[in-house]
N, C-alpha and C. Protein backbone atom coordinates (compact mmCIF):
# COMPACT_ATOMS: atom_id res chain seq x y z
N MET A 1 4.42 21.85 -23.40
CA MET A 1 3.22 21.20 -23.86
C MET A 1 2.09 22.21 -23.84
N VAL A 2 1.39 22.29 -24.98
CA VAL A 2 0.40 23.33 -25.17
C VAL A 2 -0.90 22.72 -25.66
N GLU A 3 -2.00 23.24 -25.21
CA GLU A 3 -3.30 22.80 -25.69
C GLU A 3 -3.92 23.92 -26.52
N LYS A 4 -3.71 23.88 -27.84
CA LYS A 4 -4.26 24.87 -28.76
C LYS A 4 -4.68 24.16 -30.04
N PRO A 5 -5.60 24.72 -30.77
CA PRO A 5 -5.94 24.14 -32.07
C PRO A 5 -4.72 24.14 -32.97
N ILE A 6 -4.60 23.13 -33.80
CA ILE A 6 -3.42 22.98 -34.66
C ILE A 6 -3.27 24.14 -35.64
N ASN A 7 -4.34 24.80 -36.02
CA ASN A 7 -4.26 25.91 -36.96
C ASN A 7 -4.09 27.26 -36.27
N SER A 8 -3.64 27.25 -35.05
CA SER A 8 -3.44 28.49 -34.32
C SER A 8 -2.15 29.17 -34.78
N GLU A 9 -1.78 30.23 -34.11
CA GLU A 9 -0.59 30.98 -34.49
C GLU A 9 0.69 30.19 -34.27
N ASN A 10 0.68 29.17 -33.45
CA ASN A 10 1.87 28.36 -33.18
C ASN A 10 1.95 27.21 -34.18
N GLN A 11 2.87 27.29 -35.09
CA GLN A 11 3.03 26.27 -36.13
C GLN A 11 3.90 25.10 -35.69
N ASN A 12 4.35 25.10 -34.45
CA ASN A 12 5.22 24.02 -33.95
C ASN A 12 4.44 22.93 -33.22
N LEU A 13 3.13 22.89 -33.40
CA LEU A 13 2.33 21.92 -32.68
C LEU A 13 2.12 20.64 -33.48
N VAL A 14 2.09 19.53 -32.75
CA VAL A 14 1.77 18.23 -33.31
C VAL A 14 0.48 17.77 -32.63
N GLU A 15 -0.49 17.32 -33.41
CA GLU A 15 -1.73 16.79 -32.86
C GLU A 15 -1.51 15.32 -32.53
N VAL A 16 -1.66 14.95 -31.27
CA VAL A 16 -1.33 13.59 -30.82
C VAL A 16 -2.56 12.91 -30.23
N ARG A 17 -2.77 11.67 -30.65
CA ARG A 17 -3.83 10.81 -30.11
C ARG A 17 -3.21 9.48 -29.70
N ALA A 18 -3.93 8.76 -28.86
CA ALA A 18 -3.49 7.43 -28.46
C ALA A 18 -4.74 6.56 -28.31
N PHE A 19 -4.58 5.27 -28.51
CA PHE A 19 -5.71 4.35 -28.45
C PHE A 19 -5.58 3.37 -27.30
N ASN A 20 -6.73 2.78 -26.96
CA ASN A 20 -6.83 1.74 -25.94
C ASN A 20 -6.23 2.21 -24.62
N PHE A 21 -5.38 1.39 -23.98
CA PHE A 21 -4.88 1.78 -22.67
C PHE A 21 -3.93 2.96 -22.75
N LEU A 22 -3.34 3.24 -23.90
CA LEU A 22 -2.50 4.43 -24.03
C LEU A 22 -3.33 5.70 -23.85
N LYS A 23 -4.59 5.64 -24.26
CA LYS A 23 -5.50 6.77 -24.06
C LYS A 23 -5.70 7.01 -22.56
N LYS A 24 -5.65 5.96 -21.78
CA LYS A 24 -5.79 6.10 -20.33
C LYS A 24 -4.64 6.93 -19.74
N VAL A 25 -3.45 6.82 -20.33
CA VAL A 25 -2.32 7.64 -19.90
C VAL A 25 -2.66 9.11 -20.11
N PHE A 26 -3.24 9.43 -21.26
CA PHE A 26 -3.66 10.81 -21.54
C PHE A 26 -4.66 11.27 -20.49
N ASP A 27 -5.64 10.40 -20.20
CA ASP A 27 -6.69 10.74 -19.23
C ASP A 27 -6.10 10.97 -17.84
N GLU A 28 -5.18 10.11 -17.43
CA GLU A 28 -4.56 10.24 -16.11
C GLU A 28 -3.79 11.55 -15.98
N ARG A 29 -3.22 12.00 -17.08
CA ARG A 29 -2.45 13.24 -17.08
C ARG A 29 -3.33 14.46 -17.35
N GLN A 30 -4.61 14.20 -17.53
CA GLN A 30 -5.59 15.24 -17.82
C GLN A 30 -5.24 16.03 -19.08
N TRP A 31 -4.75 15.29 -20.08
CA TRP A 31 -4.45 15.89 -21.38
C TRP A 31 -5.72 15.92 -22.21
N SER A 32 -5.84 16.92 -23.05
CA SER A 32 -6.97 17.00 -23.97
C SER A 32 -6.85 15.86 -24.99
N PHE A 33 -7.93 15.64 -25.71
CA PHE A 33 -7.91 14.61 -26.77
C PHE A 33 -8.57 15.19 -28.00
N PRO A 34 -7.83 15.48 -29.04
CA PRO A 34 -6.39 15.24 -29.16
C PRO A 34 -5.58 16.19 -28.28
N TYR A 35 -4.34 15.78 -28.06
CA TYR A 35 -3.41 16.58 -27.29
C TYR A 35 -2.49 17.30 -28.26
N PHE A 36 -2.17 18.55 -27.99
CA PHE A 36 -1.29 19.32 -28.87
C PHE A 36 0.05 19.50 -28.18
N TYR A 37 1.07 18.90 -28.77
CA TYR A 37 2.42 18.90 -28.20
C TYR A 37 3.30 19.84 -29.01
N GLU A 38 4.03 20.71 -28.34
CA GLU A 38 4.91 21.64 -29.04
C GLU A 38 6.21 20.93 -29.39
N LEU A 39 6.51 20.89 -30.68
CA LEU A 39 7.69 20.19 -31.19
C LEU A 39 8.57 21.18 -31.95
N GLY A 40 9.79 21.31 -31.53
CA GLY A 40 10.69 22.29 -32.13
C GLY A 40 11.24 21.89 -33.49
N GLU A 41 11.49 20.58 -33.66
CA GLU A 41 12.06 20.13 -34.93
C GLU A 41 11.66 18.69 -35.20
N GLU A 42 11.86 18.25 -36.43
CA GLU A 42 11.51 16.90 -36.84
C GLU A 42 12.22 15.87 -35.97
N CYS A 43 11.51 14.78 -35.67
CA CYS A 43 12.09 13.70 -34.86
C CYS A 43 11.39 12.40 -35.24
N THR A 44 11.90 11.28 -34.74
CA THR A 44 11.23 10.01 -34.97
C THR A 44 10.01 9.92 -34.05
N ALA A 45 9.09 9.05 -34.41
CA ALA A 45 7.91 8.84 -33.57
C ALA A 45 8.31 8.29 -32.21
N SER A 46 9.34 7.46 -32.17
CA SER A 46 9.79 6.93 -30.87
C SER A 46 10.40 8.05 -30.02
N GLU A 47 11.10 9.00 -30.63
CA GLU A 47 11.62 10.14 -29.88
C GLU A 47 10.48 10.99 -29.33
N LEU A 48 9.44 11.18 -30.13
CA LEU A 48 8.28 11.94 -29.66
C LEU A 48 7.64 11.23 -28.47
N ALA A 49 7.47 9.91 -28.57
CA ALA A 49 6.89 9.14 -27.46
C ALA A 49 7.75 9.28 -26.20
N LYS A 50 9.09 9.26 -26.36
CA LYS A 50 9.99 9.43 -25.21
C LYS A 50 9.81 10.82 -24.60
N MET A 51 9.75 11.86 -25.46
CA MET A 51 9.59 13.23 -24.96
C MET A 51 8.28 13.38 -24.20
N MET A 52 7.26 12.63 -24.62
CA MET A 52 5.95 12.69 -23.97
C MET A 52 5.86 11.72 -22.80
N ASP A 53 6.93 10.98 -22.54
CA ASP A 53 7.01 9.99 -21.47
C ASP A 53 5.92 8.92 -21.61
N LEU A 54 5.76 8.42 -22.83
CA LEU A 54 4.84 7.32 -23.10
C LEU A 54 5.61 6.01 -23.03
N PRO A 55 4.97 4.90 -22.66
CA PRO A 55 5.66 3.61 -22.52
C PRO A 55 6.00 2.99 -23.88
N LEU A 56 7.23 3.17 -24.34
CA LEU A 56 7.66 2.68 -25.66
C LEU A 56 7.43 1.19 -25.85
N GLU A 57 7.65 0.42 -24.79
CA GLU A 57 7.52 -1.03 -24.90
C GLU A 57 6.08 -1.47 -25.16
N LYS A 58 5.14 -0.58 -25.01
CA LYS A 58 3.73 -0.91 -25.22
C LYS A 58 3.16 -0.34 -26.52
N ILE A 59 3.98 0.35 -27.30
CA ILE A 59 3.51 0.95 -28.55
C ILE A 59 3.98 0.09 -29.73
N GLU A 60 3.03 -0.39 -30.51
CA GLU A 60 3.36 -1.25 -31.65
C GLU A 60 3.55 -0.45 -32.94
N ALA A 61 2.69 0.51 -33.16
CA ALA A 61 2.72 1.25 -34.43
C ALA A 61 2.30 2.68 -34.19
N VAL A 62 2.50 3.48 -35.22
CA VAL A 62 2.12 4.89 -35.15
C VAL A 62 1.51 5.28 -36.49
N PHE A 63 0.50 6.12 -36.43
CA PHE A 63 -0.05 6.72 -37.63
C PHE A 63 0.48 8.14 -37.70
N ILE A 64 1.02 8.50 -38.84
CA ILE A 64 1.47 9.87 -39.06
C ILE A 64 0.73 10.38 -40.27
N ASN A 65 -0.13 11.35 -40.06
CA ASN A 65 -0.97 11.90 -41.12
C ASN A 65 -1.74 10.80 -41.84
N GLY A 66 -2.21 9.81 -41.07
CA GLY A 66 -3.05 8.74 -41.60
C GLY A 66 -2.30 7.56 -42.18
N CYS A 67 -0.99 7.57 -42.17
CA CYS A 67 -0.18 6.48 -42.74
C CYS A 67 0.46 5.67 -41.61
N ALA A 68 0.20 4.36 -41.59
CA ALA A 68 0.73 3.49 -40.54
C ALA A 68 2.21 3.22 -40.75
N LYS A 69 2.97 3.30 -39.66
CA LYS A 69 4.42 3.06 -39.69
C LYS A 69 4.83 2.32 -38.43
N PRO A 70 5.94 1.55 -38.50
CA PRO A 70 6.53 1.03 -37.27
C PRO A 70 7.02 2.22 -36.45
N LEU A 71 6.98 2.12 -35.16
CA LEU A 71 7.34 3.23 -34.28
C LEU A 71 8.71 3.81 -34.60
N ALA A 72 9.70 2.96 -34.82
CA ALA A 72 11.07 3.42 -35.05
C ALA A 72 11.29 4.05 -36.43
N GLU A 73 10.37 3.82 -37.34
CA GLU A 73 10.56 4.31 -38.72
C GLU A 73 9.73 5.53 -39.07
N GLY A 74 8.83 5.91 -38.20
CA GLY A 74 7.98 7.07 -38.48
C GLY A 74 8.68 8.37 -38.13
N TRP A 75 8.64 9.35 -39.02
CA TRP A 75 9.22 10.67 -38.77
C TRP A 75 8.10 11.68 -38.58
N VAL A 76 8.22 12.50 -37.55
CA VAL A 76 7.20 13.49 -37.19
C VAL A 76 7.80 14.88 -37.31
N LYS A 77 7.04 15.79 -37.89
CA LYS A 77 7.48 17.18 -37.95
C LYS A 77 6.35 18.07 -37.45
N PRO A 78 6.68 19.29 -37.04
CA PRO A 78 5.64 20.20 -36.58
C PRO A 78 4.52 20.30 -37.62
N GLY A 79 3.27 20.29 -37.14
CA GLY A 79 2.10 20.36 -38.01
C GLY A 79 1.50 19.00 -38.32
N ASP A 80 2.19 17.91 -37.99
CA ASP A 80 1.69 16.56 -38.29
C ASP A 80 0.61 16.14 -37.30
N ARG A 81 -0.15 15.14 -37.74
CA ARG A 81 -1.14 14.47 -36.88
C ARG A 81 -0.61 13.08 -36.59
N VAL A 82 -0.53 12.71 -35.31
CA VAL A 82 0.10 11.47 -34.87
C VAL A 82 -0.86 10.69 -33.97
N ALA A 83 -0.88 9.37 -34.14
CA ALA A 83 -1.67 8.51 -33.25
C ALA A 83 -0.84 7.27 -32.90
N PHE A 84 -0.72 7.00 -31.61
CA PHE A 84 0.02 5.84 -31.14
C PHE A 84 -0.94 4.67 -30.92
N VAL A 85 -0.54 3.49 -31.40
CA VAL A 85 -1.37 2.28 -31.30
C VAL A 85 -0.62 1.24 -30.46
N PRO A 86 -1.25 0.70 -29.42
CA PRO A 86 -0.56 -0.26 -28.56
C PRO A 86 -0.58 -1.68 -29.12
N TYR A 87 0.31 -2.51 -28.58
CA TYR A 87 0.24 -3.95 -28.85
C TYR A 87 -1.09 -4.45 -28.31
N GLY A 88 -1.57 -5.54 -28.89
CA GLY A 88 -2.79 -6.14 -28.40
C GLY A 88 -4.03 -5.72 -29.16
N THR A 89 -3.86 -4.92 -30.19
CA THR A 89 -5.01 -4.53 -31.01
C THR A 89 -5.50 -5.78 -31.72
N PRO A 90 -6.80 -6.09 -31.65
CA PRO A 90 -7.33 -7.32 -32.26
C PRO A 90 -7.07 -7.42 -33.76
N GLY A 91 -6.92 -8.66 -34.24
CA GLY A 91 -6.58 -8.96 -35.63
C GLY A 91 -7.36 -8.21 -36.70
N PRO A 92 -8.70 -8.22 -36.66
CA PRO A 92 -9.45 -7.53 -37.71
C PRO A 92 -9.13 -6.04 -37.78
N TYR A 93 -8.90 -5.42 -36.63
CA TYR A 93 -8.57 -3.99 -36.62
C TYR A 93 -7.18 -3.76 -37.19
N ARG A 94 -6.29 -4.71 -36.95
CA ARG A 94 -4.93 -4.59 -37.48
C ARG A 94 -4.96 -4.55 -39.01
N VAL A 95 -5.82 -5.39 -39.59
CA VAL A 95 -5.96 -5.42 -41.05
C VAL A 95 -6.60 -4.13 -41.54
N LEU A 96 -7.69 -3.73 -40.91
CA LEU A 96 -8.40 -2.52 -41.32
C LEU A 96 -7.54 -1.28 -41.19
N LEU A 97 -6.74 -1.22 -40.14
CA LEU A 97 -5.90 -0.05 -39.91
C LEU A 97 -4.63 -0.06 -40.75
N GLY A 98 -4.29 -1.20 -41.33
CA GLY A 98 -3.16 -1.28 -42.23
C GLY A 98 -1.81 -1.51 -41.59
N PHE A 99 -1.78 -2.05 -40.38
CA PHE A 99 -0.46 -2.29 -39.78
C PHE A 99 -0.24 -3.75 -39.39
N PHE A 100 -1.02 -4.67 -39.98
CA PHE A 100 -0.88 -6.08 -39.61
C PHE A 100 0.45 -6.68 -40.05
N ARG A 101 1.15 -6.10 -41.00
CA ARG A 101 2.45 -6.64 -41.44
C ARG A 101 3.62 -5.74 -41.11
N LEU A 102 3.38 -4.66 -40.43
CA LEU A 102 4.45 -3.71 -40.16
C LEU A 102 5.61 -4.31 -39.38
N ASN A 103 5.30 -5.19 -38.44
CA ASN A 103 6.34 -5.69 -37.53
C ASN A 103 6.70 -7.15 -37.79
N GLU A 104 6.30 -7.70 -38.95
CA GLU A 104 6.61 -9.11 -39.25
C GLU A 104 8.08 -9.43 -39.20
N ASP A 105 8.90 -8.54 -39.75
CA ASP A 105 10.33 -8.81 -39.82
C ASP A 105 11.09 -8.37 -38.56
N ARG A 106 10.40 -7.83 -37.61
CA ARG A 106 11.08 -7.27 -36.44
C ARG A 106 11.02 -8.21 -35.26
């Protein structure tokens, strides 16, 4: 795990953010915000969350380069920008953020 700007010499970094109580996990671990995680190869967003030891059961959706996806369906590659969104996000924000229907069928 590395804290460097995404445009640095290391092209294997992913810019990671988290919202609400997930941000508290970052704070407790004294991670920068955004946090830069070194990723060797493409993986799912849920695999990235596991590698970062984030609580999967509390993550509802993920943004990858600004596009909302269900956690299990998002693919992350080095150089991407990622944001984890927890369950419990209020209704109006769900609509504005574009993930109010992501988990309807799940």
